[in-house]
Amino acid sequence: MTYATDRLHEEIAYVAFHFHWGPDAILDLEHQDRRRYTQQIASLVTRAAPEG
């Protein structure tokens, strides 16, 4: 099974934006690790968002 290119680009942009990592460093991650980072970032962003 191949991973959708659009989804991969979204993950790269998301991690790069929040961690300031370059695309090469993000692409060097295993798929599972990259997904874990995106999930952890989403959790942190959600918790930090002001309620209102």
PDB file of N, CA and C in Angstrom:
ATOM      1  N   MET A   1       0.847  -1.170   0.000  1.00  0.00           N
ATOM      2  CA  MET A   1       0.000   0.000   0.000  1.00  0.00           C
ATOM      3  C   MET A   1       0.899   1.241   0.000  1.00  0.00           C
ATOM      4  N   THR A   2       0.526   2.216  -0.769  1.00  0.00           N
ATOM      5  CA  THR A   2       1.278   3.463  -0.793  1.00  0.00           C
ATOM      6  C   THR A   2       0.556   4.512   0.028  1.00  0.00           C
ATOM      7  N   TYR A   3       1.312   5.427   0.545  1.00  0.00           N
ATOM      8  CA  TYR A   3       0.765   6.494   1.369  1.00  0.00           C
ATOM      9  C   TYR A   3       0.467   7.673   0.464  1.00  0.00           C
ATOM     10  N   ALA A   4      -0.702   8.247   0.588  1.00  0.00           N
ATOM     11  CA  ALA A   4      -1.121   9.347  -0.279  1.00  0.00           C
ATOM     12  C   ALA A   4      -0.128  10.504  -0.208  1.00  0.00           C
ATOM     13  N   THR A   5       0.270  10.971  -1.364  1.00  0.00           N
ATOM     14  CA  THR A   5       1.234  12.061  -1.445  1.00  0.00           C
ATOM     15  C   THR A   5       0.726  13.314  -0.750  1.00  0.00           C
ATOM     16  N   ASP A   6      -0.544  13.636  -0.943  1.00  0.00           N
ATOM     17  CA  ASP A   6      -1.109  14.823  -0.285  1.00  0.00           C
ATOM     18  C   ASP A   6      -1.020  14.706   1.225  1.00  0.00           C
ATOM     19  N   ARG A   7      -1.311  13.528   1.752  1.00  0.00           N
ATOM     20  CA  ARG A   7      -1.252  13.314   3.206  1.00  0.00           C
ATOM     21  C   ARG A   7       0.188  13.440   3.703  1.00  0.00           C
ATOM     22  N   LEU A   8       1.119  12.911   2.960  1.00  0.00           N
ATOM     23  CA  LEU A   8       2.528  13.013   3.331  1.00  0.00           C
ATOM     24  C   LEU A   8       2.961  14.478   3.381  1.00  0.00           C
ATOM     25  N   HIS A   9       2.566  15.243   2.387  1.00  0.00           N
ATOM     26  CA  HIS A   9       2.915  16.664   2.373  1.00  0.00           C
ATOM     27  C   HIS A   9       2.276  17.410   3.543  1.00  0.00           C
ATOM     28  N   GLU A  10       1.065  17.042   3.897  1.00  0.00           N
ATOM     29  CA  GLU A  10       0.414  17.660   5.060  1.00  0.00           C
ATOM     30  C   GLU A  10       1.203  17.372   6.331  1.00  0.00           C
ATOM     31  N   GLU A  11       1.623  16.132   6.497  1.00  0.00           N
ATOM     32  CA  GLU A  11       2.397  15.764   7.689  1.00  0.00           C
ATOM     33  C   GLU A  11       3.722  16.522   7.735  1.00  0.00           C
ATOM     34  N   ILE A  12       4.393  16.613   6.593  1.00  0.00           N
ATOM     35  CA  ILE A  12       5.666  17.325   6.546  1.00  0.00           C
ATOM     36  C   ILE A  12       5.461  18.790   6.927  1.00  0.00           C
ATOM     37  N   ALA A  13       4.459  19.419   6.341  1.00  0.00           N
ATOM     38  CA  ALA A  13       4.193  20.833   6.630  1.00  0.00           C
ATOM     39  C   ALA A  13       3.845  21.035   8.102  1.00  0.00           C
ATOM     40  N   TYR A  14       3.051  20.138   8.650  1.00  0.00           N
ATOM     41  CA  TYR A  14       2.602  20.246  10.038  1.00  0.00           C
ATOM     42  C   TYR A  14       3.775  20.150  11.008  1.00  0.00           C
ATOM     43  N   VAL A  15       4.600  19.142  10.828  1.00  0.00           N
ATOM     44  CA  VAL A  15       5.759  18.960  11.709  1.00  0.00           C
ATOM     45  C   VAL A  15       6.774  20.088  11.488  1.00  0.00           C
ATOM     46  N   ALA A  16       7.014  20.455  10.244  1.00  0.00           N
ATOM     47  CA  ALA A  16       7.965  21.527   9.946  1.00  0.00           C
ATOM     48  C   ALA A  16       7.519  22.840  10.583  1.00  0.00           C
ATOM     49  N   PHE A  17       6.236  23.143  10.486  1.00  0.00           N
ATOM     50  CA  PHE A  17       5.707  24.389  11.040  1.00  0.00           C
ATOM     51  C   PHE A  17       5.893  24.455  12.548  1.00  0.00           C
ATOM     52  N   HIS A  18       5.594  23.362  13.235  1.00  0.00           N
ATOM     53  CA  HIS A  18       5.625  23.370  14.693  1.00  0.00           C
ATOM     54  C   HIS A  18       7.012  23.116  15.279  1.00  0.00           C
ATOM     55  N   PHE A  19       7.820  22.292  14.634  1.00  0.00           N
ATOM     56  CA  PHE A  19       9.131  21.948  15.176  1.00  0.00           C
ATOM     57  C   PHE A  19      10.279  22.659  14.460  1.00  0.00           C
ATOM     58  N   HIS A  20       9.981  23.316  13.351  1.00  0.00           N
ATOM     59  CA  HIS A  20      11.003  24.007  12.561  1.00  0.00           C
ATOM     60  C   HIS A  20      12.070  23.043  12.048  1.00  0.00           C
ATOM     61  N   TRP A  21      11.628  21.843  11.682  1.00  0.00           N
ATOM     62  CA  TRP A  21      12.516  20.849  11.089  1.00  0.00           C
ATOM     63  C   TRP A  21      12.419  20.957   9.572  1.00  0.00           C
ATOM     64  N   GLY A  22      13.482  20.636   8.882  1.00  0.00           N
ATOM     65  CA  GLY A  22      13.477  20.617   7.428  1.00  0.00           C
ATOM     66  C   GLY A  22      12.815  19.356   6.895  1.00  0.00           C
ATOM     67  N   PRO A  23      12.391  19.391   5.643  1.00  0.00           N
ATOM     68  CA  PRO A  23      11.712  18.239   5.045  1.00  0.00           C
ATOM     69  C   PRO A  23      12.548  16.963   5.075  1.00  0.00           C
ATOM     70  N   ASP A  24      13.850  17.078   4.860  1.00  0.00           N
ATOM     71  CA  ASP A  24      14.691  15.882   4.851  1.00  0.00           C
ATOM     72  C   ASP A  24      14.678  15.174   6.202  1.00  0.00           C
ATOM     73  N   ALA A  25      14.752  15.936   7.280  1.00  0.00           N
ATOM     74  CA  ALA A  25      14.727  15.337   8.617  1.00  0.00           C
ATOM     75  C   ALA A  25      13.394  14.640   8.870  1.00  0.00           C
ATOM     76  N   ILE A  26      12.320  15.244   8.414  1.00  0.00           N
ATOM     77  CA  ILE A  26      10.991  14.668   8.624  1.00  0.00           C
ATOM     78  C   ILE A  26      10.818  13.417   7.770  1.00  0.00           C
ATOM     79  N   LEU A  27      11.281  13.469   6.525  1.00  0.00           N
ATOM     80  CA  LEU A  27      11.168  12.301   5.650  1.00  0.00           C
ATOM     81  C   LEU A  27      12.049  11.141   6.113  1.00  0.00           C
ATOM     82  N   ASP A  28      13.099  11.435   6.873  1.00  0.00           N
ATOM     83  CA  ASP A  28      13.949  10.370   7.410  1.00  0.00           C
ATOM     84  C   ASP A  28      13.253   9.569   8.505  1.00  0.00           C
ATOM     85  N   LEU A  29      12.187  10.120   9.064  1.00  0.00           N
ATOM     86  CA  LEU A  29      11.446   9.409  10.107  1.00  0.00           C
ATOM     87  C   LEU A  29      10.671   8.245   9.500  1.00  0.00           C
ATOM     88  N   GLU A  30      10.513   7.185  10.285  1.00  0.00           N
ATOM     89  CA  GLU A  30       9.630   6.101   9.879  1.00  0.00           C
ATOM     90  C   GLU A  30       8.195   6.626   9.873  1.00  0.00           C
ATOM     91  N   HIS A  31       7.384   6.051   9.030  1.00  0.00           N
ATOM     92  CA  HIS A  31       5.996   6.502   8.913  1.00  0.00           C
ATOM     93  C   HIS A  31       5.302   6.549  10.275  1.00  0.00           C
ATOM     94  N   GLN A  32       5.446   5.506  11.057  1.00  0.00           N
ATOM     95  CA  GLN A  32       4.798   5.432  12.373  1.00  0.00           C
ATOM     96  C   GLN A  32       5.286   6.550  13.291  1.00  0.00           C
ATOM     97  N   ASP A  33       6.560   6.841  13.265  1.00  0.00           N
ATOM     98  CA  ASP A  33       7.114   7.918  14.102  1.00  0.00           C
ATOM     99  C   ASP A  33       6.596   9.283  13.658  1.00  0.00           C
ATOM    100  N   ARG A  34       6.537   9.493  12.343  1.00  0.00           N
ATOM    101  CA  ARG A  34       6.029  10.764  11.827  1.00  0.00           C
ATOM    102  C   ARG A  34       4.568  10.953  12.216  1.00  0.00           C
ATOM    103  N   ARG A  35       3.772   9.908  12.130  1.00  0.00           N
ATOM    104  CA  ARG A  35       2.363   9.979  12.535  1.00  0.00           C
ATOM    105  C   ARG A  35       2.251  10.269  14.030  1.00  0.00           C
ATOM    106  N   ARG A  36       3.125   9.666  14.822  1.00  0.00           N
ATOM    107  CA  ARG A  36       3.113   9.905  16.267  1.00  0.00           C
ATOM    108  C   ARG A  36       3.407  11.371  16.567  1.00  0.00           C
ATOM    109  N   TYR A  37       4.380  11.947  15.863  1.00  0.00           N
ATOM    110  CA  TYR A  37       4.677  13.371  16.054  1.00  0.00           C
ATOM    111  C   TYR A  37       3.468  14.231  15.692  1.00  0.00           C
ATOM    112  N   THR A  38       2.818  13.948  14.577  1.00  0.00           N
ATOM    113  CA  THR A  38       1.659  14.766  14.187  1.00  0.00           C
ATOM    114  C   THR A  38       0.546  14.641  15.217  1.00  0.00           C
ATOM    115  N   GLN A  39       0.344  13.467  15.760  1.00  0.00           N
ATOM    116  CA  GLN A  39      -0.689  13.280  16.783  1.00  0.00           C
ATOM    117  C   GLN A  39      -0.340  14.017  18.071  1.00  0.00           C
ATOM    118  N   GLN A  40       0.922  13.972  18.452  1.00  0.00           N
ATOM    119  CA  GLN A  40       1.350  14.670  19.666  1.00  0.00           C
ATOM    120  C   GLN A  40       1.242  16.184  19.494  1.00  0.00           C
ATOM    121  N   ILE A  41       1.630  16.686  18.340  1.00  0.00           N
ATOM    122  CA  ILE A  41       1.496  18.120  18.082  1.00  0.00           C
ATOM    123  C   ILE A  41       0.041  18.528  18.154  1.00  0.00           C
ATOM    124  N   ALA A  42      -0.831  17.752  17.524  1.00  0.00           N
ATOM    125  CA  ALA A  42      -2.267  18.069  17.537  1.00  0.00           C
ATOM    126  C   ALA A  42      -2.795  18.109  18.970  1.00  0.00           C
ATOM    127  N   SER A  43      -2.346  17.189  19.797  1.00  0.00           N
ATOM    128  CA  SER A  43      -2.761  17.156  21.191  1.00  0.00           C
ATOM    129  C   SER A  43      -2.299  18.403  21.935  1.00  0.00           C
ATOM    130  N   LEU A  44      -1.050  18.795  21.713  1.00  0.00           N
ATOM    131  CA  LEU A  44      -0.516  19.982  22.366  1.00  0.00           C
ATOM    132  C   LEU A  44      -1.236  21.254  21.897  1.00  0.00           C
ATOM    133  N   VAL A  45      -1.503  21.345  20.609  1.00  0.00           N
ATOM    134  CA  VAL A  45      -2.187  22.515  20.060  1.00  0.00           C
ATOM    135  C   VAL A  45      -3.600  22.621  20.625  1.00  0.00           C
ATOM    136  N   THR A  46      -4.266  21.484  20.711  1.00  0.00           N
ATOM    137  CA  THR A  46      -5.629  21.463  21.241  1.00  0.00           C
ATOM    138  C   THR A  46      -5.664  21.901  22.697  1.00  0.00           C
ATOM    139  N   ARG A  47      -4.719  21.405  23.467  1.00  0.00           N
ATOM    140  CA  ARG A  47      -4.675  21.780  24.897  1.00  0.00           C
ATOM    141  C   ARG A  47      -4.317  23.240  25.096  1.00  0.00           C
ATOM    142  N   ALA A  48      -3.518  23.808  24.191  1.00  0.00           N
ATOM    143  CA  ALA A  48      -3.069  25.186  24.321  1.00  0.00           C
ATOM    144  C   ALA A  48      -4.079  26.193  23.781  1.00  0.00           C
ATOM    145  N   ALA A  49      -5.046  25.702  23.018  1.00  0.00           N
ATOM    146  CA  ALA A  49      -6.034  26.611  22.415  1.00  0.00           C
ATOM    147  C   ALA A  49      -6.917  27.217  23.489  1.00  0.00           C
ATOM    148  N   PRO A  50      -7.116  28.527  23.431  1.00  0.00           N
ATOM    149  CA  PRO A  50      -7.980  29.175  24.415  1.00  0.00           C
ATOM    150  C   PRO A  50      -9.442  28.751  24.234  1.00  0.00           C
ATOM    151  N   GLU A  51     -10.091  28.536  25.334  1.00  0.00           N
ATOM    152  CA  GLU A  51     -11.513  28.194  25.265  1.00  0.00           C
ATOM    153  C   GLU A  51     -12.316  29.463  25.058  1.00  0.00           C
ATOM    154  N   GLY A  52     -13.353  29.350  24.317  1.00  0.00           N
ATOM    155  CA  GLY A  52     -14.097  30.568  24.158  1.00  0.00           C
ATOM    156  C   GLY A  52     -15.141  30.442  23.174  1.00  0.00           C
TER     157      GLY A  52
END
